[in-house]
């Protein structure tokens, strides 16, 4: 039986690179915090959909630029890096990884 390939599956290499982006307020990377909703590579480049813990997040611009910087450094040959800030579904602590929860003492 052949392997089924899911379209738009998260790219593990992109997610790994994004663990270098740490929310300066919480000290947890954006992947473990659950802010990355989608991270895919396409023939034309990398697409990331992410959110913030709230629409009023004061470091949103900083985090988006850091995501772009980290991806550009890790994947210098990609032609484009598109980062879309989305609000649906809204972020909740349920999106956090077990590591993220432990870092906040919520385990």
PDB file of N, CA and C in Angstrom:
ATOM      1  N   UNK A   1       0.844  -1.183   0.000  1.00  0.00           N
ATOM      2  CA  UNK A   1       0.000   0.000   0.000  1.00  0.00           C
ATOM      3  C   UNK A   1       0.882   1.236   0.000  1.00  0.00           C
ATOM      4  N   UNK A   2       0.564   2.217  -0.834  1.00  0.00           N
ATOM      5  CA  UNK A   2       1.369   3.426  -0.957  1.00  0.00           C
ATOM      6  C   UNK A   2       1.188   4.367   0.217  1.00  0.00           C
ATOM      7  N   UNK A   3       2.134   5.233   0.380  1.00  0.00           N
ATOM      8  CA  UNK A   3       2.084   6.217   1.448  1.00  0.00           C
ATOM      9  C   UNK A   3       1.197   7.379   1.025  1.00  0.00           C
ATOM     10  N   UNK A   4       0.345   7.835   1.903  1.00  0.00           N
ATOM     11  CA  UNK A   4      -0.520   8.972   1.629  1.00  0.00           C
ATOM     12  C   UNK A   4       0.224  10.229   2.048  1.00  0.00           C
ATOM     13  N   UNK A   5       0.296  11.179   1.138  1.00  0.00           N
ATOM     14  CA  UNK A   5       0.961  12.448   1.430  1.00  0.00           C
ATOM     15  C   UNK A   5      -0.107  13.503   1.651  1.00  0.00           C
ATOM     16  N   UNK A   6      -0.103  14.089   2.817  1.00  0.00           N
ATOM     17  CA  UNK A   6      -1.079  15.115   3.159  1.00  0.00           C
ATOM     18  C   UNK A   6      -0.623  16.456   2.588  1.00  0.00           C
ATOM     19  N   UNK A   7      -1.485  17.097   1.838  1.00  0.00           N
ATOM     20  CA  UNK A   7      -1.168  18.423   1.319  1.00  0.00           C
ATOM     21  C   UNK A   7      -1.122  19.416   2.484  1.00  0.00           C
ATOM     22  N   UNK A   8      -0.247  20.370   2.381  1.00  0.00           N
ATOM     23  CA  UNK A   8      -0.114  21.425   3.390  1.00  0.00           C
ATOM     24  C   UNK A   8       0.287  20.905   4.761  1.00  0.00           C
ATOM     25  N   UNK A   9       0.929  19.743   4.818  1.00  0.00           N
ATOM     26  CA  UNK A   9       1.404  19.239   6.107  1.00  0.00           C
ATOM     27  C   UNK A   9       2.525  20.141   6.614  1.00  0.00           C
ATOM     28  N   UNK A  10       2.569  20.323   7.917  1.00  0.00           N
ATOM     29  CA  UNK A  10       3.640  21.130   8.496  1.00  0.00           C
ATOM     30  C   UNK A  10       4.984  20.509   8.155  1.00  0.00           C
ATOM     31  N   UNK A  11       5.925  21.346   7.805  1.00  0.00           N
ATOM     32  CA  UNK A  11       7.271  20.906   7.457  1.00  0.00           C
ATOM     33  C   UNK A  11       8.106  20.856   8.741  1.00  0.00           C
ATOM     34  N   UNK A  12       8.568  19.665   9.144  1.00  0.00           N
ATOM     35  CA  UNK A  12       9.327  19.544  10.394  1.00  0.00           C
ATOM     36  C   UNK A  12      10.585  20.423  10.430  1.00  0.00           C
ATOM     37  N   UNK A  13      11.241  20.617   9.302  1.00  0.00           N
ATOM     38  CA  UNK A  13      12.449  21.446   9.277  1.00  0.00           C
ATOM     39  C   UNK A  13      12.112  22.909   9.560  1.00  0.00           C
ATOM     40  N   UNK A  14      10.977  23.363   9.057  1.00  0.00           N
ATOM     41  CA  UNK A  14      10.559  24.750   9.321  1.00  0.00           C
ATOM     42  C   UNK A  14      10.189  24.896  10.789  1.00  0.00           C
ATOM     43  N   UNK A  15       9.424  23.945  11.308  1.00  0.00           N
ATOM     44  CA  UNK A  15       9.051  24.010  12.730  1.00  0.00           C
ATOM     45  C   UNK A  15      10.283  23.990  13.624  1.00  0.00           C
ATOM     46  N   UNK A  16      11.244  23.157  13.289  1.00  0.00           N
ATOM     47  CA  UNK A  16      12.474  23.106  14.084  1.00  0.00           C
ATOM     48  C   UNK A  16      13.187  24.452  14.059  1.00  0.00           C
ATOM     49  N   UNK A  17      13.272  25.068  12.894  1.00  0.00           N
ATOM     50  CA  UNK A  17      13.909  26.386  12.792  1.00  0.00           C
ATOM     51  C   UNK A  17      13.164  27.412  13.636  1.00  0.00           C
ATOM     52  N   UNK A  18      11.843  27.333  13.644  1.00  0.00           N
ATOM     53  CA  UNK A  18      11.044  28.315  14.380  1.00  0.00           C
ATOM     54  C   UNK A  18      11.147  28.169  15.892  1.00  0.00           C
ATOM     55  N   UNK A  19      11.671  27.060  16.374  1.00  0.00           N
ATOM     56  CA  UNK A  19      11.870  26.939  17.826  1.00  0.00           C
ATOM     57  C   UNK A  19      12.930  27.919  18.322  1.00  0.00           C
ATOM     58  N   UNK A  20      13.675  28.526  17.401  1.00  0.00           N
ATOM     59  CA  UNK A  20      14.661  29.536  17.787  1.00  0.00           C
ATOM     60  C   UNK A  20      14.016  30.899  18.051  1.00  0.00           C
ATOM     61  N   UNK A  21      12.743  31.042  17.723  1.00  0.00           N
ATOM     62  CA  UNK A  21      12.031  32.310  17.944  1.00  0.00           C
ATOM     63  C   UNK A  21      11.317  32.224  19.282  1.00  0.00           C
ATOM     64  N   UNK A  22      11.762  33.028  20.224  1.00  0.00           N
ATOM     65  CA  UNK A  22      11.243  32.978  21.594  1.00  0.00           C
ATOM     66  C   UNK A  22      10.425  34.232  21.889  1.00  0.00           C
ATOM     67  N   UNK A  23       9.245  34.026  22.434  1.00  0.00           N
ATOM     68  CA  UNK A  23       8.409  35.149  22.863  1.00  0.00           C
ATOM     69  C   UNK A  23       9.127  35.829  24.025  1.00  0.00           C
ATOM     70  N   UNK A  24       9.491  37.109  23.875  1.00  0.00           N
ATOM     71  CA  UNK A  24      10.280  37.761  24.926  1.00  0.00           C
ATOM     72  C   UNK A  24       9.525  37.973  26.230  1.00  0.00           C
ATOM     73  N   UNK A  25       8.217  37.968  26.181  1.00  0.00           N
ATOM     74  CA  UNK A  25       7.436  38.156  27.403  1.00  0.00           C
ATOM     75  C   UNK A  25       7.303  36.867  28.210  1.00  0.00           C
ATOM     76  N   UNK A  26       7.176  35.745  27.517  1.00  0.00           N
ATOM     77  CA  UNK A  26       6.968  34.472  28.205  1.00  0.00           C
ATOM     78  C   UNK A  26       8.201  33.590  28.253  1.00  0.00           C
ATOM     79  N   UNK A  27       9.175  33.850  27.369  1.00  0.00           N
ATOM     80  CA  UNK A  27      10.389  33.054  27.351  1.00  0.00           C
ATOM     81  C   UNK A  27      10.206  31.656  26.779  1.00  0.00           C
ATOM     82  N   UNK A  28       9.173  31.473  25.964  1.00  0.00           N
ATOM     83  CA  UNK A  28       8.867  30.182  25.347  1.00  0.00           C
ATOM     84  C   UNK A  28       8.874  30.367  23.839  1.00  0.00           C
ATOM     85  N   UNK A  29       9.393  29.374  23.116  1.00  0.00           N
ATOM     86  CA  UNK A  29       9.432  29.527  21.659  1.00  0.00           C
ATOM     87  C   UNK A  29       8.023  29.475  21.074  1.00  0.00           C
ATOM     88  N   UNK A  30       7.879  30.069  19.879  1.00  0.00           N
ATOM     89  CA  UNK A  30       6.562  30.220  19.267  1.00  0.00           C
ATOM     90  C   UNK A  30       5.911  28.898  18.882  1.00  0.00           C
ATOM     91  N   UNK A  31       6.715  27.855  18.661  1.00  0.00           N
ATOM     92  CA  UNK A  31       6.155  26.543  18.340  1.00  0.00           C
ATOM     93  C   UNK A  31       5.547  25.923  19.595  1.00  0.00           C
ATOM     94  N   UNK A  32       6.301  25.874  20.692  1.00  0.00           N
ATOM     95  CA  UNK A  32       5.781  25.299  21.937  1.00  0.00           C
ATOM     96  C   UNK A  32       4.648  26.137  22.519  1.00  0.00           C
ATOM     97  N   UNK A  33       4.657  27.423  22.231  1.00  0.00           N
ATOM     98  CA  UNK A  33       3.588  28.297  22.705  1.00  0.00           C
ATOM     99  C   UNK A  33       2.302  28.075  21.905  1.00  0.00           C
ATOM    100  N   UNK A  34       2.417  27.440  20.758  1.00  0.00           N
ATOM    101  CA  UNK A  34       1.239  27.155  19.935  1.00  0.00           C
ATOM    102  C   UNK A  34       0.833  28.301  19.039  1.00  0.00           C
ATOM    103  N   UNK A  35       1.768  29.203  18.748  1.00  0.00           N
ATOM    104  CA  UNK A  35       1.452  30.350  17.906  1.00  0.00           C
ATOM    105  C   UNK A  35       1.535  30.034  16.417  1.00  0.00           C
ATOM    106  N   UNK A  36       2.206  28.955  16.061  1.00  0.00           N
ATOM    107  CA  UNK A  36       2.356  28.599  14.645  1.00  0.00           C
ATOM    108  C   UNK A  36       1.212  27.669  14.259  1.00  0.00           C
ATOM    109  N   UNK A  37       0.353  28.148  13.371  1.00  0.00           N
ATOM    110  CA  UNK A  37      -0.789  27.360  12.921  1.00  0.00           C
ATOM    111  C   UNK A  37      -0.453  26.525  11.701  1.00  0.00           C
ATOM    112  N   UNK A  38       0.459  26.988  10.864  1.00  0.00           N
ATOM    113  CA  UNK A  38       0.835  26.253   9.662  1.00  0.00           C
ATOM    114  C   UNK A  38       2.230  26.695   9.241  1.00  0.00           C
ATOM    115  N   UNK A  39       3.064  25.736   8.874  1.00  0.00           N
ATOM    116  CA  UNK A  39       4.421  26.022   8.392  1.00  0.00           C
ATOM    117  C   UNK A  39       4.708  25.050   7.252  1.00  0.00           C
ATOM    118  N   UNK A  40       4.642  25.542   6.023  1.00  0.00           N
ATOM    119  CA  UNK A  40       4.784  24.676   4.861  1.00  0.00           C
ATOM    120  C   UNK A  40       5.806  25.230   3.881  1.00  0.00           C
ATOM    121  N   UNK A  41       6.393  24.309   3.127  1.00  0.00           N
ATOM    122  CA  UNK A  41       7.263  24.750   2.038  1.00  0.00           C
ATOM    123  C   UNK A  41       6.541  24.461   0.729  1.00  0.00           C
ATOM    124  N   UNK A  42       6.722  25.342  -0.185  1.00  0.00           N
ATOM    125  CA  UNK A  42       6.110  25.264  -1.503  1.00  0.00           C
ATOM    126  C   UNK A  42       7.214  25.486  -2.534  1.00  0.00           C
ATOM    127  N   UNK A  43       6.927  25.175  -3.786  1.00  0.00           N
ATOM    128  CA  UNK A  43       7.946  25.444  -4.810  1.00  0.00           C
ATOM    129  C   UNK A  43       8.406  26.906  -4.821  1.00  0.00           C
ATOM    130  N   UNK A  44       7.516  27.819  -4.467  1.00  0.00           N
ATOM    131  CA  UNK A  44       7.881  29.239  -4.494  1.00  0.00           C
ATOM    132  C   UNK A  44       8.483  29.752  -3.186  1.00  0.00           C
ATOM    133  N   UNK A  45       8.466  28.931  -2.137  1.00  0.00           N
ATOM    134  CA  UNK A  45       9.054  29.391  -0.885  1.00  0.00           C
ATOM    135  C   UNK A  45       8.400  28.775   0.336  1.00  0.00           C
ATOM    136  N   UNK A  46       8.377  29.552   1.405  1.00  0.00           N
ATOM    137  CA  UNK A  46       7.852  29.090   2.698  1.00  0.00           C
ATOM    138  C   UNK A  46       6.635  29.926   3.059  1.00  0.00           C
ATOM    139  N   UNK A  47       5.600  29.239   3.536  1.00  0.00           N
ATOM    140  CA  UNK A  47       4.396  29.902   4.025  1.00  0.00           C
ATOM    141  C   UNK A  47       4.219  29.574   5.496  1.00  0.00           C
ATOM    142  N   UNK A  48       4.002  30.609   6.295  1.00  0.00           N
ATOM    143  CA  UNK A  48       3.747  30.425   7.728  1.00  0.00           C
ATOM    144  C   UNK A  48       2.474  31.187   8.075  1.00  0.00           C
ATOM    145  N   UNK A  49       1.586  30.503   8.764  1.00  0.00           N
ATOM    146  CA  UNK A  49       0.419  31.155   9.356  1.00  0.00           C
ATOM    147  C   UNK A  49       0.616  31.078  10.852  1.00  0.00           C
ATOM    148  N   UNK A  50       0.503  32.215  11.489  1.00  0.00           N
ATOM    149  CA  UNK A  50       0.702  32.241  12.932  1.00  0.00           C
ATOM    150  C   UNK A  50      -0.229  33.256  13.559  1.00  0.00           C
ATOM    151  N   UNK A  51      -0.310  33.199  14.863  1.00  0.00           N
ATOM    152  CA  UNK A  51      -1.146  34.113  15.617  1.00  0.00           C
ATOM    153  C   UNK A  51      -0.343  34.651  16.791  1.00  0.00           C
ATOM    154  N   UNK A  52      -0.970  35.444  17.579  1.00  0.00           N
ATOM    155  CA  UNK A  52      -0.388  35.959  18.825  1.00  0.00           C
ATOM    156  C   UNK A  52      -1.324  35.550  19.960  1.00  0.00           C
ATOM    157  N   UNK A  53      -0.845  35.664  21.176  1.00  0.00           N
ATOM    158  CA  UNK A  53      -1.692  35.288  22.319  1.00  0.00           C
ATOM    159  C   UNK A  53      -2.880  36.226  22.457  1.00  0.00           C
ATOM    160  N   UNK A  54      -2.747  37.452  21.945  1.00  0.00           N
ATOM    161  CA  UNK A  54      -3.875  38.388  21.918  1.00  0.00           C
ATOM    162  C   UNK A  54      -3.661  39.375  20.782  1.00  0.00           C
ATOM    163  N   UNK A  55      -4.756  39.962  20.323  1.00  0.00           N
ATOM    164  CA  UNK A  55      -4.676  40.949  19.239  1.00  0.00           C
ATOM    165  C   UNK A  55      -3.905  42.191  19.668  1.00  0.00           C
ATOM    166  N   UNK A  56      -3.808  42.411  20.968  1.00  0.00           N
ATOM    167  CA  UNK A  56      -3.096  43.578  21.484  1.00  0.00           C
ATOM    168  C   UNK A  56      -1.643  43.262  21.836  1.00  0.00           C
ATOM    169  N   UNK A  57      -1.127  42.146  21.360  1.00  0.00           N
ATOM    170  CA  UNK A  57       0.236  41.734  21.690  1.00  0.00           C
ATOM    171  C   UNK A  57       1.238  42.819  21.296  1.00  0.00           C
ATOM    172  N   UNK A  58       1.982  43.354  22.252  1.00  0.00           N
ATOM    173  CA  UNK A  58       2.905  44.447  21.942  1.00  0.00           C
ATOM    174  C   UNK A  58       4.162  44.016  21.181  1.00  0.00           C
ATOM    175  N   UNK A  59       4.417  42.708  21.091  1.00  0.00           N
ATOM    176  CA  UNK A  59       5.624  42.247  20.404  1.00  0.00           C
ATOM    177  C   UNK A  59       5.309  41.527  19.086  1.00  0.00           C
ATOM    178  N   UNK A  60       4.106  41.700  18.572  1.00  0.00           N
ATOM    179  CA  UNK A  60       3.709  41.003  17.340  1.00  0.00           C
ATOM    180  C   UNK A  60       4.669  41.317  16.194  1.00  0.00           C
ATOM    181  N   UNK A  61       4.947  42.573  15.950  1.00  0.00           N
ATOM    182  CA  UNK A  61       5.849  42.951  14.866  1.00  0.00           C
ATOM    183  C   UNK A  61       7.237  42.371  15.051  1.00  0.00           C
ATOM    184  N   UNK A  62       7.724  42.398  16.268  1.00  0.00           N
ATOM    185  CA  UNK A  62       9.035  41.843  16.584  1.00  0.00           C
ATOM    186  C   UNK A  62       9.079  40.335  16.311  1.00  0.00           C
ATOM    187  N   UNK A  63       8.043  39.613  16.724  1.00  0.00           N
ATOM    188  CA  UNK A  63       8.015  38.165  16.507  1.00  0.00           C
ATOM    189  C   UNK A  63       7.942  37.818  15.021  1.00  0.00           C
ATOM    190  N   UNK A  64       7.141  38.543  14.269  1.00  0.00           N
ATOM    191  CA  UNK A  64       7.035  38.279  12.834  1.00  0.00           C
ATOM    192  C   UNK A  64       8.378  38.526  12.148  1.00  0.00           C
ATOM    193  N   UNK A  65       9.046  39.597  12.492  1.00  0.00           N
ATOM    194  CA  UNK A  65      10.359  39.870  11.888  1.00  0.00           C
ATOM    195  C   UNK A  65      11.393  38.826  12.300  1.00  0.00           C
ATOM    196  N   UNK A  66      11.326  38.369  13.542  1.00  0.00           N
ATOM    197  CA  UNK A  66      12.249  37.333  14.002  1.00  0.00           C
ATOM    198  C   UNK A  66      11.993  36.017  13.267  1.00  0.00           C
ATOM    199  N   UNK A  67      10.728  35.674  13.028  1.00  0.00           N
ATOM    200  CA  UNK A  67      10.388  34.478  12.254  1.00  0.00           C
ATOM    201  C   UNK A  67      11.000  34.585  10.862  1.00  0.00           C
ATOM    202  N   UNK A  68      10.817  35.727  10.220  1.00  0.00           N
ATOM    203  CA  UNK A  68      11.367  35.941   8.877  1.00  0.00           C
ATOM    204  C   UNK A  68      12.899  35.833   8.889  1.00  0.00           C
ATOM    205  N   UNK A  69      13.526  36.439   9.874  1.00  0.00           N
ATOM    206  CA  UNK A  69      14.989  36.421  10.007  1.00  0.00           C
ATOM    207  C   UNK A  69      15.526  34.999  10.199  1.00  0.00           C
ATOM    208  N   UNK A  70      14.892  34.242  11.083  1.00  0.00           N
ATOM    209  CA  UNK A  70      15.329  32.869  11.356  1.00  0.00           C
ATOM    210  C   UNK A  70      15.160  31.993  10.119  1.00  0.00           C
ATOM    211  N   UNK A  71      14.027  32.127   9.433  1.00  0.00           N
ATOM    212  CA  UNK A  71      13.795  31.312   8.236  1.00  0.00           C
ATOM    213  C   UNK A  71      14.742  31.694   7.106  1.00  0.00           C
ATOM    214  N   UNK A  72      15.009  32.973   6.940  1.00  0.00           N
ATOM    215  CA  UNK A  72      15.935  33.420   5.893  1.00  0.00           C
ATOM    216  C   UNK A  72      17.341  32.874   6.170  1.00  0.00           C
ATOM    217  N   UNK A  73      17.756  32.862   7.435  1.00  0.00           N
ATOM    218  CA  UNK A  73      19.087  32.344   7.793  1.00  0.00           C
ATOM    219  C   UNK A  73      19.153  30.827   7.596  1.00  0.00           C
ATOM    220  N   UNK A  74      18.092  30.113   7.948  1.00  0.00           N
ATOM    221  CA  UNK A  74      18.098  28.651   7.863  1.00  0.00           C
ATOM    222  C   UNK A  74      17.886  28.150   6.439  1.00  0.00           C
ATOM    223  N   UNK A  75      17.108  28.896   5.647  1.00  0.00           N
ATOM    224  CA  UNK A  75      16.779  28.506   4.272  1.00  0.00           C
ATOM    225  C   UNK A  75      17.126  29.642   3.315  1.00  0.00           C
ATOM    226  N   UNK A  76      18.412  29.926   3.139  1.00  0.00           N
ATOM    227  CA  UNK A  76      18.823  31.104   2.353  1.00  0.00           C
ATOM    228  C   UNK A  76      18.456  31.030   0.870  1.00  0.00           C
ATOM    229  N   UNK A  77      18.171  29.856   0.356  1.00  0.00           N
ATOM    230  CA  UNK A  77      17.892  29.719  -1.074  1.00  0.00           C
ATOM    231  C   UNK A  77      16.418  29.838  -1.441  1.00  0.00           C
ATOM    232  N   UNK A  78      15.518  29.969  -0.465  1.00  0.00           N
ATOM    233  CA  UNK A  78      14.099  30.081  -0.816  1.00  0.00           C
ATOM    234  C   UNK A  78      13.830  31.448  -1.436  1.00  0.00           C
ATOM    235  N   UNK A  79      12.921  31.460  -2.394  1.00  0.00           N
ATOM    236  CA  UNK A  79      12.650  32.712  -3.098  1.00  0.00           C
ATOM    237  C   UNK A  79      11.729  33.653  -2.324  1.00  0.00           C
ATOM    238  N   UNK A  80      10.849  33.091  -1.480  1.00  0.00           N
ATOM    239  CA  UNK A  80       9.965  33.966  -0.704  1.00  0.00           C
ATOM    240  C   UNK A  80       9.621  33.330   0.630  1.00  0.00           C
ATOM    241  N   UNK A  81       9.382  34.193   1.594  1.00  0.00           N
ATOM    242  CA  UNK A  81       8.910  33.767   2.909  1.00  0.00           C
ATOM    243  C   UNK A  81       7.674  34.608   3.201  1.00  0.00           C
ATOM    244  N   UNK A  82       6.523  33.956   3.210  1.00  0.00           N
ATOM    245  CA  UNK A  82       5.260  34.636   3.463  1.00  0.00           C
ATOM    246  C   UNK A  82       4.780  34.287   4.858  1.00  0.00           C
ATOM    247  N   UNK A  83       4.557  35.313   5.665  1.00  0.00           N
ATOM    248  CA  UNK A  83       4.072  35.118   7.022  1.00  0.00           C
ATOM    249  C   UNK A  83       2.728  35.816   7.129  1.00  0.00           C
ATOM    250  N   UNK A  84       1.707  35.048   7.432  1.00  0.00           N
ATOM    251  CA  UNK A  84       0.365  35.596   7.561  1.00  0.00           C
ATOM    252  C   UNK A  84      -0.043  35.542   9.031  1.00  0.00           C
ATOM    253  N   UNK A  85      -0.437  36.677   9.556  1.00  0.00           N
ATOM    254  CA  UNK A  85      -0.928  36.751  10.928  1.00  0.00           C
ATOM    255  C   UNK A  85      -2.433  36.505  10.883  1.00  0.00           C
ATOM    256  N   UNK A  86      -2.885  35.472  11.584  1.00  0.00           N
ATOM    257  CA  UNK A  86      -4.305  35.102  11.570  1.00  0.00           C
ATOM    258  C   UNK A  86      -4.868  35.133  12.987  1.00  0.00           C
ATOM    259  N   UNK A  87      -6.174  35.308  13.075  1.00  0.00           N
ATOM    260  CA  UNK A  87      -6.836  35.383  14.379  1.00  0.00           C
ATOM    261  C   UNK A  87      -7.909  34.325  14.546  1.00  0.00           C
ATOM    262  N   UNK A  88      -8.101  33.503  13.522  1.00  0.00           N
ATOM    263  CA  UNK A  88      -9.118  32.468  13.578  1.00  0.00           C
ATOM    264  C   UNK A  88      -8.484  31.132  13.244  1.00  0.00           C
ATOM    265  N   UNK A  89      -8.497  30.194  14.151  1.00  0.00           N
ATOM    266  CA  UNK A  89      -9.120  30.264  15.472  1.00  0.00           C
ATOM    267  C   UNK A  89      -8.260  31.085  16.432  1.00  0.00           C
ATOM    268  N   UNK A  90      -8.905  31.678  17.418  1.00  0.00           N
ATOM    269  CA  UNK A  90      -8.142  32.441  18.397  1.00  0.00           C
ATOM    270  C   UNK A  90      -7.207  31.522  19.188  1.00  0.00           C
ATOM    271  N   UNK A  91      -6.072  32.064  19.574  1.00  0.00           N
ATOM    272  CA  UNK A  91      -5.121  31.292  20.381  1.00  0.00           C
ATOM    273  C   UNK A  91      -5.729  31.025  21.753  1.00  0.00           C
ATOM    274  N   UNK A  92      -5.399  29.866  22.299  1.00  0.00           N
ATOM    275  CA  UNK A  92      -5.743  29.553  23.684  1.00  0.00           C
ATOM    276  C   UNK A  92      -4.610  28.708  24.248  1.00  0.00           C
ATOM    277  N   UNK A  93      -4.484  28.635  25.565  1.00  0.00           N
ATOM    278  CA  UNK A  93      -3.434  27.815  26.172  1.00  0.00           C
ATOM    279  C   UNK A  93      -3.505  26.340  25.775  1.00  0.00           C
ATOM    280  N   UNK A  94      -4.657  25.892  25.298  1.00  0.00           N
ATOM    281  CA  UNK A  94      -4.789  24.505  24.843  1.00  0.00           C
ATOM    282  C   UNK A  94      -3.864  24.195  23.669  1.00  0.00           C
ATOM    283  N   UNK A  95      -3.419  25.203  22.947  1.00  0.00           N
ATOM    284  CA  UNK A  95      -2.549  25.010  21.787  1.00  0.00           C
ATOM    285  C   UNK A  95      -1.099  24.765  22.196  1.00  0.00           C
ATOM    286  N   UNK A  96      -0.764  25.009  23.437  1.00  0.00           N
ATOM    287  CA  UNK A  96       0.617  24.856  23.891  1.00  0.00           C
ATOM    288  C   UNK A  96       1.040  23.396  23.918  1.00  0.00           C
ATOM    289  N   UNK A  97       2.323  23.171  23.635  1.00  0.00           N
ATOM    290  CA  UNK A  97       2.875  21.818  23.716  1.00  0.00           C
ATOM    291  C   UNK A  97       3.088  21.443  25.192  1.00  0.00           C
ATOM    292  N   UNK A  98       3.278  20.167  25.467  1.00  0.00           N
ATOM    293  CA  UNK A  98       3.603  19.767  26.844  1.00  0.00           C
ATOM    294  C   UNK A  98       4.870  20.471  27.354  1.00  0.00           C
ATOM    295  N   UNK A  99       5.873  20.665  26.486  1.00  0.00           N
ATOM    296  CA  UNK A  99       7.083  21.384  26.913  1.00  0.00           C
ATOM    297  C   UNK A  99       6.760  22.821  27.290  1.00  0.00           C
ATOM    298  N   UNK A 100       5.927  23.477  26.498  1.00  0.00           N
ATOM    299  CA  UNK A 100       5.535  24.851  26.807  1.00  0.00           C
ATOM    300  C   UNK A 100       4.808  24.944  28.130  1.00  0.00           C
ATOM    301  N   UNK A 101       3.930  23.995  28.379  1.00  0.00           N
ATOM    302  CA  UNK A 101       3.195  23.970  29.651  1.00  0.00           C
ATOM    303  C   UNK A 101       4.135  23.768  30.832  1.00  0.00           C
ATOM    304  N   UNK A 102       5.097  22.863  30.657  1.00  0.00           N
ATOM    305  CA  UNK A 102       6.073  22.632  31.734  1.00  0.00           C
ATOM    306  C   UNK A 102       6.892  23.891  32.023  1.00  0.00           C
ATOM    307  N   UNK A 103       7.253  24.606  30.970  1.00  0.00           N
ATOM    308  CA  UNK A 103       8.059  25.819  31.160  1.00  0.00           C
ATOM    309  C   UNK A 103       7.301  26.875  31.970  1.00  0.00           C
ATOM    310  N   UNK A 104       5.982  26.852  31.895  1.00  0.00           N
ATOM    311  CA  UNK A 104       5.170  27.773  32.687  1.00  0.00           C
ATOM    312  C   UNK A 104       4.761  27.177  34.032  1.00  0.00           C
ATOM    313  N   UNK A 105       5.193  25.947  34.281  1.00  0.00           N
ATOM    314  CA  UNK A 105       4.829  25.300  35.537  1.00  0.00           C
ATOM    315  C   UNK A 105       3.431  24.768  35.548  1.00  0.00           C
ATOM    316  N   UNK A 106       2.849  24.507  34.376  1.00  0.00           N
ATOM    317  CA  UNK A 106       1.469  24.045  34.272  1.00  0.00           C
ATOM    318  C   UNK A 106       1.366  22.536  34.115  1.00  0.00           C
ATOM    319  N   UNK A 107       2.431  21.790  34.353  1.00  0.00           N
ATOM    320  CA  UNK A 107       2.362  20.345  34.072  1.00  0.00           C
ATOM    321  C   UNK A 107       1.692  19.572  35.141  1.00  0.00           C
TER     322      UNK A 107
END
